Amino acid sequence: MANKAIKEHMKVLSSDGCRVGNVDCVDTNEIILAKSGHKSGGKHHAIPLAWVTSVEDEAVKLNQPQDIVFENWIDAEPRSKGSEPVC
């Protein structure tokens, strides 16, 4: 559904309106967040596409508040020989 509308560098907003990161890329069932986010610790993180409620105004909006996003995102280890995740 929304994954075709999600573009690289879009901001990702939690249901409580907080920015939880920026899109690095979209994989089959998840969004990979850029490792440059203030809570990322210099690592890529993945969140499920199922959390997306809408894509509008250059932002991806989620159905989870920021504390749930940060508690449940997973490290997105590189999936190739390079240092970036492959999507």
PDB file of N, CA and C in Angstrom:
ATOM      1  N   MET A   1       0.822  -1.188   0.000  1.00  0.00           N
ATOM      2  CA  MET A   1       0.000   0.000   0.000  1.00  0.00           C
ATOM      3  C   MET A   1       0.861   1.245   0.000  1.00  0.00           C
ATOM      4  N   ALA A   2       1.313   1.686   1.160  1.00  0.00           N
ATOM      5  CA  ALA A   2       2.029   2.953   1.285  1.00  0.00           C
ATOM      6  C   ALA A   2       3.487   2.863   0.862  1.00  0.00           C
ATOM      7  N   ASN A   3       4.031   1.650   0.753  1.00  0.00           N
ATOM      8  CA  ASN A   3       5.471   1.539   0.530  1.00  0.00           C
ATOM      9  C   ASN A   3       5.930   2.182  -0.774  1.00  0.00           C
ATOM     10  N   LYS A   4       5.092   2.237  -1.820  1.00  0.00           N
ATOM     11  CA  LYS A   4       5.495   2.881  -3.062  1.00  0.00           C
ATOM     12  C   LYS A   4       5.533   4.401  -2.926  1.00  0.00           C
ATOM     13  N   ALA A   5       4.769   4.947  -1.993  1.00  0.00           N
ATOM     14  CA  ALA A   5       4.741   6.391  -1.772  1.00  0.00           C
ATOM     15  C   ALA A   5       5.869   6.859  -0.855  1.00  0.00           C
ATOM     16  N   ILE A   6       6.476   5.937  -0.134  1.00  0.00           N
ATOM     17  CA  ILE A   6       7.543   6.290   0.803  1.00  0.00           C
ATOM     18  C   ILE A   6       8.841   6.461   0.040  1.00  0.00           C
ATOM     19  N   LYS A   7       9.446   7.623   0.212  1.00  0.00           N
ATOM     20  CA  LYS A   7      10.674   7.960  -0.503  1.00  0.00           C
ATOM     21  C   LYS A   7      11.832   8.191   0.475  1.00  0.00           C
ATOM     22  N   GLU A   8      13.028   7.995  -0.038  1.00  0.00           N
ATOM     23  CA  GLU A   8      14.250   8.227   0.732  1.00  0.00           C
ATOM     24  C   GLU A   8      14.252   9.651   1.293  1.00  0.00           C
ATOM     25  N   HIS A   9      14.721   9.793   2.504  1.00  0.00           N
ATOM     26  CA  HIS A   9      14.887  11.057   3.228  1.00  0.00           C
ATOM     27  C   HIS A   9      13.593  11.630   3.809  1.00  0.00           C
ATOM     28  N   MET A  10      12.442  10.973   3.587  1.00  0.00           N
ATOM     29  CA  MET A  10      11.207  11.469   4.199  1.00  0.00           C
ATOM     30  C   MET A  10      11.335  11.376   5.715  1.00  0.00           C
ATOM     31  N   LYS A  11      10.753  12.328   6.411  1.00  0.00           N
ATOM     32  CA  LYS A  11      10.747  12.234   7.866  1.00  0.00           C
ATOM     33  C   LYS A  11       9.680  11.228   8.289  1.00  0.00           C
ATOM     34  N   VAL A  12       9.935  10.576   9.412  1.00  0.00           N
ATOM     35  CA  VAL A  12       9.027   9.571   9.967  1.00  0.00           C
ATOM     36  C   VAL A  12       8.517  10.109  11.300  1.00  0.00           C
ATOM     37  N   LEU A  13       7.189  10.230  11.406  1.00  0.00           N
ATOM     38  CA  LEU A  13       6.567  10.811  12.593  1.00  0.00           C
ATOM     39  C   LEU A  13       5.761   9.770  13.352  1.00  0.00           C
ATOM     40  N   SER A  14       5.909   9.778  14.672  1.00  0.00           N
ATOM     41  CA  SER A  14       5.141   8.867  15.526  1.00  0.00           C
ATOM     42  C   SER A  14       3.704   9.374  15.629  1.00  0.00           C
ATOM     43  N   SER A  15       2.833   8.563  16.223  1.00  0.00           N
ATOM     44  CA  SER A  15       1.425   8.944  16.360  1.00  0.00           C
ATOM     45  C   SER A  15       1.242  10.158  17.267  1.00  0.00           C
ATOM     46  N   ASP A  16       2.222  10.421  18.133  1.00  0.00           N
ATOM     47  CA  ASP A  16       2.148  11.605  18.984  1.00  0.00           C
ATOM     48  C   ASP A  16       2.873  12.796  18.363  1.00  0.00           C
ATOM     49  N   GLY A  17       3.181  12.705  17.060  1.00  0.00           N
ATOM     50  CA  GLY A  17       3.722  13.838  16.319  1.00  0.00           C
ATOM     51  C   GLY A  17       5.209  14.077  16.439  1.00  0.00           C
ATOM     52  N   CYS A  18       5.937  13.159  17.053  1.00  0.00           N
ATOM     53  CA  CYS A  18       7.384  13.329  17.225  1.00  0.00           C
ATOM     54  C   CYS A  18       8.141  12.694  16.064  1.00  0.00           C
ATOM     55  N   ARG A  19       9.218  13.313  15.683  1.00  0.00           N
ATOM     56  CA  ARG A  19      10.059  12.765  14.621  1.00  0.00           C
ATOM     57  C   ARG A  19      10.909  11.642  15.205  1.00  0.00           C
ATOM     58  N   VAL A  20      10.800  10.451  14.618  1.00  0.00           N
ATOM     59  CA  VAL A  20      11.560   9.304  15.105  1.00  0.00           C
ATOM     60  C   VAL A  20      12.708   8.945  14.174  1.00  0.00           C
ATOM     61  N   GLY A  21      12.801   9.629  13.047  1.00  0.00           N
ATOM     62  CA  GLY A  21      13.901   9.388  12.121  1.00  0.00           C
ATOM     63  C   GLY A  21      13.548   9.803  10.712  1.00  0.00           C
ATOM     64  N   ASN A  22      14.433   9.436   9.786  1.00  0.00           N
ATOM     65  CA  ASN A  22      14.248   9.669   8.359  1.00  0.00           C
ATOM     66  C   ASN A  22      14.371   8.350   7.627  1.00  0.00           C
ATOM     67  N   VAL A  23      13.656   8.221   6.537  1.00  0.00           N
ATOM     68  CA  VAL A  23      13.711   7.011   5.728  1.00  0.00           C
ATOM     69  C   VAL A  23      15.065   6.915   5.038  1.00  0.00           C
ATOM     70  N   ASP A  24      15.723   5.772   5.201  1.00  0.00           N
ATOM     71  CA  ASP A  24      16.908   5.473   4.416  1.00  0.00           C
ATOM     72  C   ASP A  24      16.476   4.698   3.179  1.00  0.00           C
ATOM     73  N   CYS A  25      15.659   3.658   3.390  1.00  0.00           N
ATOM     74  CA  CYS A  25      15.106   2.886   2.280  1.00  0.00           C
ATOM     75  C   CYS A  25      13.941   2.050   2.786  1.00  0.00           C
ATOM     76  N   VAL A  26      13.215   1.459   1.838  1.00  0.00           N
ATOM     77  CA  VAL A  26      12.076   0.608   2.175  1.00  0.00           C
ATOM     78  C   VAL A  26      12.380  -0.800   1.692  1.00  0.00           C
ATOM     79  N   ASP A  27      12.286  -1.740   2.602  1.00  0.00           N
ATOM     80  CA  ASP A  27      12.462  -3.149   2.271  1.00  0.00           C
ATOM     81  C   ASP A  27      11.065  -3.753   2.107  1.00  0.00           C
ATOM     82  N   THR A  28      10.972  -5.020   1.890  1.00  0.00           N
ATOM     83  CA  THR A  28       9.695  -5.682   1.623  1.00  0.00           C
ATOM     84  C   THR A  28       8.640  -5.393   2.685  1.00  0.00           C
ATOM     85  N   ASN A  29       8.979  -5.574   3.950  1.00  0.00           N
ATOM     86  CA  ASN A  29       8.007  -5.419   5.036  1.00  0.00           C
ATOM     87  C   ASN A  29       8.403  -4.394   6.081  1.00  0.00           C
ATOM     88  N   GLU A  30       9.433  -3.605   5.797  1.00  0.00           N
ATOM     89  CA  GLU A  30       9.905  -2.670   6.814  1.00  0.00           C
ATOM     90  C   GLU A  30      10.515  -1.416   6.199  1.00  0.00           C
ATOM     91  N   ILE A  31      10.568  -0.398   7.020  1.00  0.00           N
ATOM     92  CA  ILE A  31      11.259   0.840   6.670  1.00  0.00           C
ATOM     93  C   ILE A  31      12.590   0.816   7.404  1.00  0.00           C
ATOM     94  N   ILE A  32      13.657   1.085   6.693  1.00  0.00           N
ATOM     95  CA  ILE A  32      14.975   1.202   7.313  1.00  0.00           C
ATOM     96  C   ILE A  32      15.208   2.686   7.555  1.00  0.00           C
ATOM     97  N   LEU A  33      15.437   3.036   8.814  1.00  0.00           N
ATOM     98  CA  LEU A  33      15.676   4.429   9.181  1.00  0.00           C
ATOM     99  C   LEU A  33      17.163   4.757   9.065  1.00  0.00           C
ATOM    100  N   ALA A  34      17.434   5.987   8.674  1.00  0.00           N
ATOM    101  CA  ALA A  34      18.815   6.453   8.534  1.00  0.00           C
ATOM    102  C   ALA A  34      19.523   6.400   9.884  1.00  0.00           C
ATOM    103  N   LYS A  35      20.812   6.132   9.834  1.00  0.00           N
ATOM    104  CA  LYS A  35      21.585   6.019  11.073  1.00  0.00           C
ATOM    105  C   LYS A  35      21.964   7.373  11.653  1.00  0.00           C
ATOM    106  N   SER A  36      21.573   8.452  11.001  1.00  0.00           N
ATOM    107  CA  SER A  36      21.938   9.788  11.471  1.00  0.00           C
ATOM    108  C   SER A  36      20.926  10.389  12.447  1.00  0.00           C
ATOM    109  N   GLY A  37      19.849   9.675  12.755  1.00  0.00           N
ATOM    110  CA  GLY A  37      18.850  10.186  13.687  1.00  0.00           C
ATOM    111  C   GLY A  37      19.404  10.375  15.089  1.00  0.00           C
ATOM    112  N   HIS A  38      18.824  11.310  15.843  1.00  0.00           N
ATOM    113  CA  HIS A  38      19.362  11.636  17.170  1.00  0.00           C
ATOM    114  C   HIS A  38      19.267  10.485  18.165  1.00  0.00           C
ATOM    115  N   LYS A  39      18.351   9.560  17.992  1.00  0.00           N
ATOM    116  CA  LYS A  39      18.219   8.403  18.900  1.00  0.00           C
ATOM    117  C   LYS A  39      18.820   7.134  18.311  1.00  0.00           C
ATOM    118  N   SER A  40      19.379   7.212  17.115  1.00  0.00           N
ATOM    119  CA  SER A  40      19.818   6.007  16.410  1.00  0.00           C
ATOM    120  C   SER A  40      21.113   5.410  16.934  1.00  0.00           C
ATOM    121  N   GLY A  41      21.914   6.201  17.609  1.00  0.00           N
ATOM    122  CA  GLY A  41      23.196   5.695  18.091  1.00  0.00           C
ATOM    123  C   GLY A  41      24.148   5.344  16.963  1.00  0.00           C
ATOM    124  N   GLY A  42      23.942   5.985  15.802  1.00  0.00           N
ATOM    125  CA  GLY A  42      24.810   5.731  14.659  1.00  0.00           C
ATOM    126  C   GLY A  42      24.534   4.424  13.940  1.00  0.00           C
ATOM    127  N   LYS A  43      23.353   3.834  14.180  1.00  0.00           N
ATOM    128  CA  LYS A  43      22.983   2.564  13.553  1.00  0.00           C
ATOM    129  C   LYS A  43      21.675   2.722  12.785  1.00  0.00           C
ATOM    130  N   HIS A  44      21.528   1.908  11.734  1.00  0.00           N
ATOM    131  CA  HIS A  44      20.255   1.823  11.047  1.00  0.00           C
ATOM    132  C   HIS A  44      19.293   1.013  11.911  1.00  0.00           C
ATOM    133  N   HIS A  45      18.027   1.386  11.887  1.00  0.00           N
ATOM    134  CA  HIS A  45      16.994   0.635  12.591  1.00  0.00           C
ATOM    135  C   HIS A  45      15.839   0.376  11.634  1.00  0.00           C
ATOM    136  N   ALA A  46      15.121  -0.716  11.871  1.00  0.00           N
ATOM    137  CA  ALA A  46      13.981  -1.086  11.039  1.00  0.00           C
ATOM    138  C   ALA A  46      12.699  -1.025  11.855  1.00  0.00           C
ATOM    139  N   ILE A  47      11.644  -0.532  11.188  1.00  0.00           N
ATOM    140  CA  ILE A  47      10.307  -0.541  11.774  1.00  0.00           C
ATOM    141  C   ILE A  47       9.361  -1.184  10.754  1.00  0.00           C
ATOM    142  N   PRO A  48       8.317  -1.846  11.217  1.00  0.00           N
ATOM    143  CA  PRO A  48       7.414  -2.536  10.294  1.00  0.00           C
ATOM    144  C   PRO A  48       6.579  -1.571   9.452  1.00  0.00           C
ATOM    145  N   LEU A  49       6.378  -1.914   8.200  1.00  0.00           N
ATOM    146  CA  LEU A  49       5.483  -1.136   7.341  1.00  0.00           C
ATOM    147  C   LEU A  49       4.060  -1.143   7.889  1.00  0.00           C
ATOM    148  N   ALA A  50       3.709  -2.159   8.662  1.00  0.00           N
ATOM    149  CA  ALA A  50       2.370  -2.249   9.244  1.00  0.00           C
ATOM    150  C   ALA A  50       2.069  -1.071  10.171  1.00  0.00           C
ATOM    151  N   TRP A  51       3.082  -0.387  10.654  1.00  0.00           N
ATOM    152  CA  TRP A  51       2.879   0.776  11.523  1.00  0.00           C
ATOM    153  C   TRP A  51       2.489   2.028  10.749  1.00  0.00           C
ATOM    154  N   VAL A  52       2.631   2.037   9.445  1.00  0.00           N
ATOM    155  CA  VAL A  52       2.355   3.230   8.647  1.00  0.00           C
ATOM    156  C   VAL A  52       0.850   3.427   8.511  1.00  0.00           C
ATOM    157  N   THR A  53       0.397   4.630   8.867  1.00  0.00           N
ATOM    158  CA  THR A  53      -1.015   4.967   8.696  1.00  0.00           C
ATOM    159  C   THR A  53      -1.235   5.822   7.459  1.00  0.00           C
ATOM    160  N   SER A  54      -0.241   6.668   7.122  1.00  0.00           N
ATOM    161  CA  SER A  54      -0.372   7.499   5.932  1.00  0.00           C
ATOM    162  C   SER A  54       0.989   8.042   5.519  1.00  0.00           C
ATOM    163  N   VAL A  55       1.032   8.477   4.274  1.00  0.00           N
ATOM    164  CA  VAL A  55       2.210   9.142   3.739  1.00  0.00           C
ATOM    165  C   VAL A  55       1.700  10.422   3.113  1.00  0.00           C
ATOM    166  N   GLU A  56       2.049  11.545   3.726  1.00  0.00           N
ATOM    167  CA  GLU A  56       1.551  12.828   3.242  1.00  0.00           C
ATOM    168  C   GLU A  56       2.476  13.945   3.693  1.00  0.00           C
ATOM    169  N   ASP A  57       2.426  15.045   2.959  1.00  0.00           N
ATOM    170  CA  ASP A  57       3.233  16.220   3.305  1.00  0.00           C
ATOM    171  C   ASP A  57       4.706  15.873   3.516  1.00  0.00           C
ATOM    172  N   GLU A  58       5.239  14.996   2.660  1.00  0.00           N
ATOM    173  CA  GLU A  58       6.646  14.595   2.748  1.00  0.00           C
ATOM    174  C   GLU A  58       6.990  13.921   4.071  1.00  0.00           C
ATOM    175  N   ALA A  59       5.991  13.263   4.688  1.00  0.00           N
ATOM    176  CA  ALA A  59       6.228  12.569   5.950  1.00  0.00           C
ATOM    177  C   ALA A  59       5.489  11.240   5.978  1.00  0.00           C
ATOM    178  N   VAL A  60       6.105  10.287   6.654  1.00  0.00           N
ATOM    179  CA  VAL A  60       5.489   8.987   6.908  1.00  0.00           C
ATOM    180  C   VAL A  60       4.928   9.055   8.324  1.00  0.00           C
ATOM    181  N   LYS A  61       3.641   8.796   8.466  1.00  0.00           N
ATOM    182  CA  LYS A  61       3.000   8.876   9.777  1.00  0.00           C
ATOM    183  C   LYS A  61       2.702   7.470  10.272  1.00  0.00           C
ATOM    184  N   LEU A  62       3.049   7.243  11.551  1.00  0.00           N
ATOM    185  CA  LEU A  62       2.930   5.920  12.173  1.00  0.00           C
ATOM    186  C   LEU A  62       1.762   5.852  13.137  1.00  0.00           C
ATOM    187  N   ASN A  63       1.341   4.634  13.466  1.00  0.00           N
ATOM    188  CA  ASN A  63       0.258   4.422  14.428  1.00  0.00           C
ATOM    189  C   ASN A  63       0.782   4.094  15.824  1.00  0.00           C
ATOM    190  N   GLN A  64       2.060   4.339  16.064  1.00  0.00           N
ATOM    191  CA  GLN A  64       2.687   4.052  17.357  1.00  0.00           C
ATOM    192  C   GLN A  64       3.310   5.327  17.924  1.00  0.00           C
ATOM    193  N   PRO A  65       3.224   5.552  19.241  1.00  0.00           N
ATOM    194  CA  PRO A  65       3.893   6.698  19.847  1.00  0.00           C
ATOM    195  C   PRO A  65       5.410   6.490  19.870  1.00  0.00           C
ATOM    196  N   GLN A  66       6.138   7.577  20.026  1.00  0.00           N
ATOM    197  CA  GLN A  66       7.598   7.492  19.929  1.00  0.00           C
ATOM    198  C   GLN A  66       8.221   6.514  20.908  1.00  0.00           C
ATOM    199  N   ASP A  67       7.723   6.422  22.136  1.00  0.00           N
ATOM    200  CA  ASP A  67       8.350   5.509  23.093  1.00  0.00           C
ATOM    201  C   ASP A  67       8.216   4.053  22.643  1.00  0.00           C
ATOM    202  N   ILE A  68       7.103   3.702  22.032  1.00  0.00           N
ATOM    203  CA  ILE A  68       6.916   2.338  21.518  1.00  0.00           C
ATOM    204  C   ILE A  68       7.821   2.094  20.314  1.00  0.00           C
ATOM    205  N   VAL A  69       7.960   3.098  19.451  1.00  0.00           N
ATOM    206  CA  VAL A  69       8.852   2.965  18.291  1.00  0.00           C
ATOM    207  C   VAL A  69      10.270   2.686  18.762  1.00  0.00           C
ATOM    208  N   PHE A  70      10.773   3.506  19.691  1.00  0.00           N
ATOM    209  CA  PHE A  70      12.150   3.341  20.154  1.00  0.00           C
ATOM    210  C   PHE A  70      12.361   2.032  20.915  1.00  0.00           C
ATOM    211  N   GLU A  71      11.337   1.561  21.624  1.00  0.00           N
ATOM    212  CA  GLU A  71      11.450   0.298  22.356  1.00  0.00           C
ATOM    213  C   GLU A  71      11.436  -0.918  21.428  1.00  0.00           C
ATOM    214  N   ASN A  72      10.773  -0.786  20.276  1.00  0.00           N
ATOM    215  CA  ASN A  72      10.537  -1.953  19.434  1.00  0.00           C
ATOM    216  C   ASN A  72      11.242  -1.947  18.086  1.00  0.00           C
ATOM    217  N   TRP A  73      11.944  -0.872  17.745  1.00  0.00           N
ATOM    218  CA  TRP A  73      12.670  -0.937  16.481  1.00  0.00           C
ATOM    219  C   TRP A  73      13.805  -1.928  16.625  1.00  0.00           C
ATOM    220  N   ILE A  74      14.250  -2.476  15.514  1.00  0.00           N
ATOM    221  CA  ILE A  74      15.322  -3.469  15.566  1.00  0.00           C
ATOM    222  C   ILE A  74      16.523  -2.960  14.781  1.00  0.00           C
ATOM    223  N   ASP A  75      17.697  -3.377  15.206  1.00  0.00           N
ATOM    224  CA  ASP A  75      18.903  -3.020  14.454  1.00  0.00           C
ATOM    225  C   ASP A  75      18.785  -3.593  13.057  1.00  0.00           C
ATOM    226  N   ALA A  76      19.095  -2.781  12.075  1.00  0.00           N
ATOM    227  CA  ALA A  76      19.070  -3.235  10.677  1.00  0.00           C
ATOM    228  C   ALA A  76      20.506  -3.437  10.240  1.00  0.00           C
ATOM    229  N   GLU A  77      20.994  -4.616  10.499  1.00  0.00           N
ATOM    230  CA  GLU A  77      22.372  -4.939  10.138  1.00  0.00           C
ATOM    231  C   GLU A  77      22.537  -4.877   8.628  1.00  0.00           C
ATOM    232  N   PRO A  78      23.706  -4.495   8.154  1.00  0.00           N
ATOM    233  CA  PRO A  78      23.939  -4.502   6.709  1.00  0.00           C
ATOM    234  C   PRO A  78      23.666  -5.884   6.126  1.00  0.00           C
ATOM    235  N   ARG A  79      23.045  -5.899   4.966  1.00  0.00           N
ATOM    236  CA  ARG A  79      22.671  -7.170   4.339  1.00  0.00           C
ATOM    237  C   ARG A  79      23.534  -7.468   3.124  1.00  0.00           C
ATOM    238  N   SER A  80      24.640  -6.756   3.038  1.00  0.00           N
ATOM    239  CA  SER A  80      25.582  -7.000   1.935  1.00  0.00           C
ATOM    240  C   SER A  80      26.992  -6.778   2.462  1.00  0.00           C
ATOM    241  N   LYS A  81      27.959  -6.844   1.577  1.00  0.00           N
ATOM    242  CA  LYS A  81      29.348  -6.632   1.984  1.00  0.00           C
ATOM    243  C   LYS A  81      29.621  -5.190   2.346  1.00  0.00           C
ATOM    244  N   GLY A  82      28.810  -4.258   1.863  1.00  0.00           N
ATOM    245  CA  GLY A  82      28.993  -2.841   2.172  1.00  0.00           C
ATOM    246  C   GLY A  82      28.511  -2.514   3.564  1.00  0.00           C
ATOM    247  N   SER A  83      28.555  -1.256   3.910  1.00  0.00           N
ATOM    248  CA  SER A  83      28.173  -0.846   5.266  1.00  0.00           C
ATOM    249  C   SER A  83      26.726  -0.353   5.346  1.00  0.00           C
ATOM    250  N   GLU A  84      26.013  -0.346   4.235  1.00  0.00           N
ATOM    251  CA  GLU A  84      24.645   0.161   4.223  1.00  0.00           C
ATOM    252  C   GLU A  84      23.676  -1.005   4.036  1.00  0.00           C
ATOM    253  N   PRO A  85      22.454  -0.884   4.596  1.00  0.00           N
ATOM    254  CA  PRO A  85      21.469  -1.927   4.363  1.00  0.00           C
ATOM    255  C   PRO A  85      21.065  -1.949   2.884  1.00  0.00           C
ATOM    256  N   VAL A  86      20.702  -3.105   2.418  1.00  0.00           N
ATOM    257  CA  VAL A  86      20.269  -3.248   1.036  1.00  0.00           C
ATOM    258  C   VAL A  86      18.761  -3.364   1.011  1.00  0.00           C
ATOM    259  N   CYS A  87      18.130  -2.534   0.229  1.00  0.00           N
ATOM    260  CA  CYS A  87      16.659  -2.568   0.114  1.00  0.00           C
ATOM    261  C   CYS A  87      16.271  -2.787  -1.322  1.00  0.00           C
TER     262      CYS A  87
END
